Amino acid sequence: MSHTLSSSKTSARTARRRASSGLKKASHGVVIYCVYGLNKKVAFPPSKLIKVLRAGLPVKELQDLQATLDVPMEKLVPMLGISRATLHRRKFQGRLDQSESDRVIRFARLMGKAVEVFESKEGARQWLRAPQFGLGGAVPLEYAETEVGAREVENLLGRVEYGVYS
């Protein structure tokens, strides 16, 4: 009987490990996908993206966002609402929590829209880091610290795309 309990504990551990590794694979490349669009290897339809966000993104996704935006980590994490102590904890744990992951994706999607509008990563970076008249002189990355601000940045990018810049 103890062998049965032992084997069921082992199989439960194995199942958790497999599920965890499947999630790691499933969440790899979310930032890159949001910035550059459809990846032939991995697609993130909304249902899959929601599942990945609920579990929390790997810290590597935050590093990918930092590299893509070309903003120092010390400047980026406060915009994402992550303190220095929390960042160290997350690095140790290996995962961001759900709300932090959501904010990472918010910034990645804005970068993706800016790349689409300006047709270059460098043009997108410059626009996102410069004060914009259409935002009352605010810097888009700073304005996007809230969901409402991010939507305004997205709306402004849409106006720029269609030549209705104001």
Protein backbone atom coordinates (compact mmCIF):
# COMPACT_ATOMS: atom_id res chain seq x y z
CA MET A 1 0.00 0.00 0.00
CA SER A 2 2.85 2.42 0.77
CA HIS A 3 4.24 1.70 -2.68
CA THR A 4 0.93 2.86 -4.20
CA LEU A 5 1.02 6.11 -2.20
CA SER A 6 4.66 6.65 -3.09
CA SER A 7 4.07 6.07 -6.80
CA SER A 8 1.02 8.37 -6.82
CA LYS A 9 3.10 11.14 -5.17
CA THR A 10 5.84 10.59 -7.74
CA SER A 11 3.39 10.67 -10.64
CA ALA A 12 1.80 13.85 -9.24
CA ARG A 13 5.23 15.49 -9.02
CA THR A 14 6.04 14.35 -12.55
CA ALA A 15 2.74 15.74 -13.83
CA ARG A 16 3.42 19.12 -12.15
CA ARG A 17 6.91 19.23 -13.67
CA ARG A 18 5.57 18.43 -17.13
CA ALA A 19 2.84 21.05 -16.82
CA SER A 20 5.38 23.59 -15.60
CA SER A 21 7.80 22.88 -18.43
CA GLY A 22 4.95 23.04 -20.96
CA LEU A 23 4.01 26.45 -19.57
CA LYS A 24 7.61 27.62 -19.83
CA LYS A 25 7.66 26.60 -23.48
CA ALA A 26 4.24 28.13 -24.09
CA SER A 27 5.25 31.49 -22.63
CA HIS A 28 8.57 31.76 -24.45
CA GLY A 29 8.66 34.61 -26.92
CA VAL A 30 5.48 36.47 -25.93
CA VAL A 31 7.20 39.87 -25.96
CA ILE A 32 8.86 39.22 -29.31
CA TYR A 33 5.52 38.03 -30.70
CA CYS A 34 3.76 41.20 -29.49
CA VAL A 35 6.45 43.43 -30.96
CA TYR A 36 7.09 41.76 -34.30
CA GLY A 37 3.86 39.92 -34.98
CA LEU A 38 3.26 36.38 -36.05
CA ASN A 39 6.07 33.99 -35.23
CA LYS A 40 5.92 30.86 -37.37
CA LYS A 41 6.99 28.65 -34.45
CA VAL A 42 4.66 30.04 -31.77
CA ALA A 43 1.41 31.97 -32.09
CA PHE A 44 -0.37 33.66 -29.20
CA PRO A 45 -4.10 33.91 -29.79
CA PRO A 46 -5.92 35.75 -26.96
CA SER A 47 -6.92 32.55 -25.15
CA LYS A 48 -3.32 31.32 -25.02
CA LEU A 49 -2.00 34.75 -24.06
CA ILE A 50 -4.48 34.99 -21.17
CA LYS A 51 -3.44 31.56 -19.92
CA VAL A 52 0.24 32.50 -20.06
CA LEU A 53 -0.38 35.83 -18.31
CA ARG A 54 -2.35 34.18 -15.51
CA ALA A 55 0.61 31.91 -14.81
CA GLY A 56 3.07 34.81 -15.01
CA LEU A 57 5.72 35.43 -17.61
CA PRO A 58 9.28 34.22 -17.16
CA VAL A 59 11.67 37.01 -16.11
CA LYS A 60 13.38 36.56 -19.50
CA GLU A 61 10.35 38.22 -21.10
CA LEU A 62 11.05 41.36 -19.04
CA GLN A 63 14.65 41.24 -20.25
CA ASP A 64 13.42 40.86 -23.85
CA LEU A 65 11.20 43.92 -23.39
CA GLN A 66 14.09 45.92 -21.96
CA ALA A 67 16.32 44.96 -24.90
CA THR A 68 13.58 45.72 -27.43
CA LEU A 69 12.80 49.14 -25.98
CA ASP A 70 16.51 49.81 -25.36
CA VAL A 71 15.68 51.41 -22.00
CA PRO A 72 17.84 50.76 -18.93
CA MET A 73 16.24 48.25 -16.57
CA GLU A 74 16.51 50.79 -13.74
CA LYS A 75 14.25 53.12 -15.73
CA LEU A 76 11.90 50.47 -17.12
CA VAL A 77 10.88 48.60 -13.98
CA PRO A 78 9.45 51.67 -12.18
CA MET A 79 7.32 52.36 -15.29
CA LEU A 80 6.02 48.80 -14.91
CA GLY A 81 5.28 49.35 -11.23
CA ILE A 82 7.99 46.95 -10.07
CA SER A 83 10.23 47.95 -7.17
CA ARG A 84 13.92 47.04 -7.01
CA ALA A 85 13.27 44.55 -4.18
CA THR A 86 10.41 42.93 -6.10
CA LEU A 87 12.59 42.67 -9.20
CA HIS A 88 15.23 40.78 -7.21
CA ARG A 89 12.56 38.46 -5.81
CA ARG A 90 11.15 37.84 -9.28
CA LYS A 91 14.60 37.05 -10.66
CA PHE A 92 15.07 34.51 -7.87
CA GLN A 93 11.61 33.01 -8.45
CA GLY A 94 12.03 33.10 -12.22
CA ARG A 95 8.53 34.46 -12.93
CA LEU A 96 6.63 37.71 -12.83
CA ASP A 97 3.19 37.79 -11.26
CA GLN A 98 0.01 38.20 -13.31
CA SER A 99 -0.29 42.00 -13.05
CA GLU A 100 3.42 42.55 -13.77
CA SER A 101 3.16 40.22 -16.77
CA ASP A 102 0.15 42.14 -18.02
CA ARG A 103 2.07 45.43 -17.86
CA VAL A 104 5.05 43.88 -19.70
CA ILE A 105 2.70 42.82 -22.48
CA ARG A 106 1.07 46.29 -22.51
CA PHE A 107 4.46 47.87 -23.27
CA ALA A 108 5.38 45.15 -25.79
CA ARG A 109 2.13 45.68 -27.68
CA LEU A 110 2.70 49.45 -27.79
CA MET A 111 6.21 48.86 -29.12
CA GLY A 112 4.72 46.50 -31.71
CA LYS A 113 2.18 49.12 -32.82
CA ALA A 114 4.92 51.77 -32.99
CA VAL A 115 7.14 49.46 -35.09
CA GLU A 116 4.19 48.89 -37.41
CA VAL A 117 3.48 52.63 -37.74
CA PHE A 118 7.08 53.83 -38.10
CA GLU A 119 8.27 50.73 -39.98
CA SER A 120 11.45 50.45 -37.91
CA LYS A 121 12.45 49.49 -34.43
CA GLU A 122 14.64 52.57 -34.03
CA GLY A 123 11.90 54.95 -35.23
CA ALA A 124 9.48 53.32 -32.79
CA ARG A 125 11.94 53.65 -29.90
CA GLN A 126 12.58 57.31 -30.62
CA TRP A 127 8.87 58.12 -30.81
CA LEU A 128 8.04 56.23 -27.61
CA ARG A 129 10.79 58.06 -25.67
CA ALA A 130 10.12 61.60 -26.95
CA PRO A 131 7.47 64.05 -25.69
CA GLN A 132 4.43 64.01 -27.99
CA PHE A 133 2.18 66.98 -28.69
CA GLY A 134 -0.83 64.67 -29.05
CA LEU A 135 -0.31 63.57 -25.43
CA GLY A 136 0.01 67.09 -24.09
CA GLY A 137 3.80 66.91 -24.20
CA ALA A 138 3.97 63.60 -22.27
CA VAL A 139 6.43 60.84 -23.14
CA PRO A 140 4.46 57.81 -24.45
CA LEU A 141 6.32 55.20 -22.39
CA GLU A 142 5.68 57.18 -19.21
CA TYR A 143 2.08 57.88 -20.20
CA ALA A 144 1.52 54.15 -20.69
CA GLU A 145 2.16 53.38 -17.01
CA THR A 146 -1.63 53.09 -16.66
CA GLU A 147 -4.06 51.20 -18.89
CA VAL A 148 -5.91 54.43 -19.72
CA GLY A 149 -2.63 56.09 -20.69
CA ALA A 150 -1.62 53.11 -22.81
CA ARG A 151 -4.92 53.32 -24.69
CA GLU A 152 -4.30 57.00 -25.37
CA VAL A 153 -0.83 56.21 -26.72
CA GLU A 154 -2.36 53.49 -28.89
CA ASN A 155 -5.02 55.93 -30.16
CA LEU A 156 -2.35 58.51 -30.98
CA LEU A 157 -0.36 55.89 -32.89
CA GLY A 158 -3.53 55.12 -34.85
CA ARG A 159 -3.94 58.79 -35.70
CA VAL A 160 -0.30 59.02 -36.79
CA GLU A 161 -0.75 55.91 -38.93
CA TYR A 162 -3.74 57.46 -40.72
CA GLY A 163 -2.30 60.99 -40.95
CA VAL A 164 -4.68 62.53 -38.41
CA TYR A 165 -1.88 63.59 -36.07
CA SER A 166 -2.94 66.22 -33.56
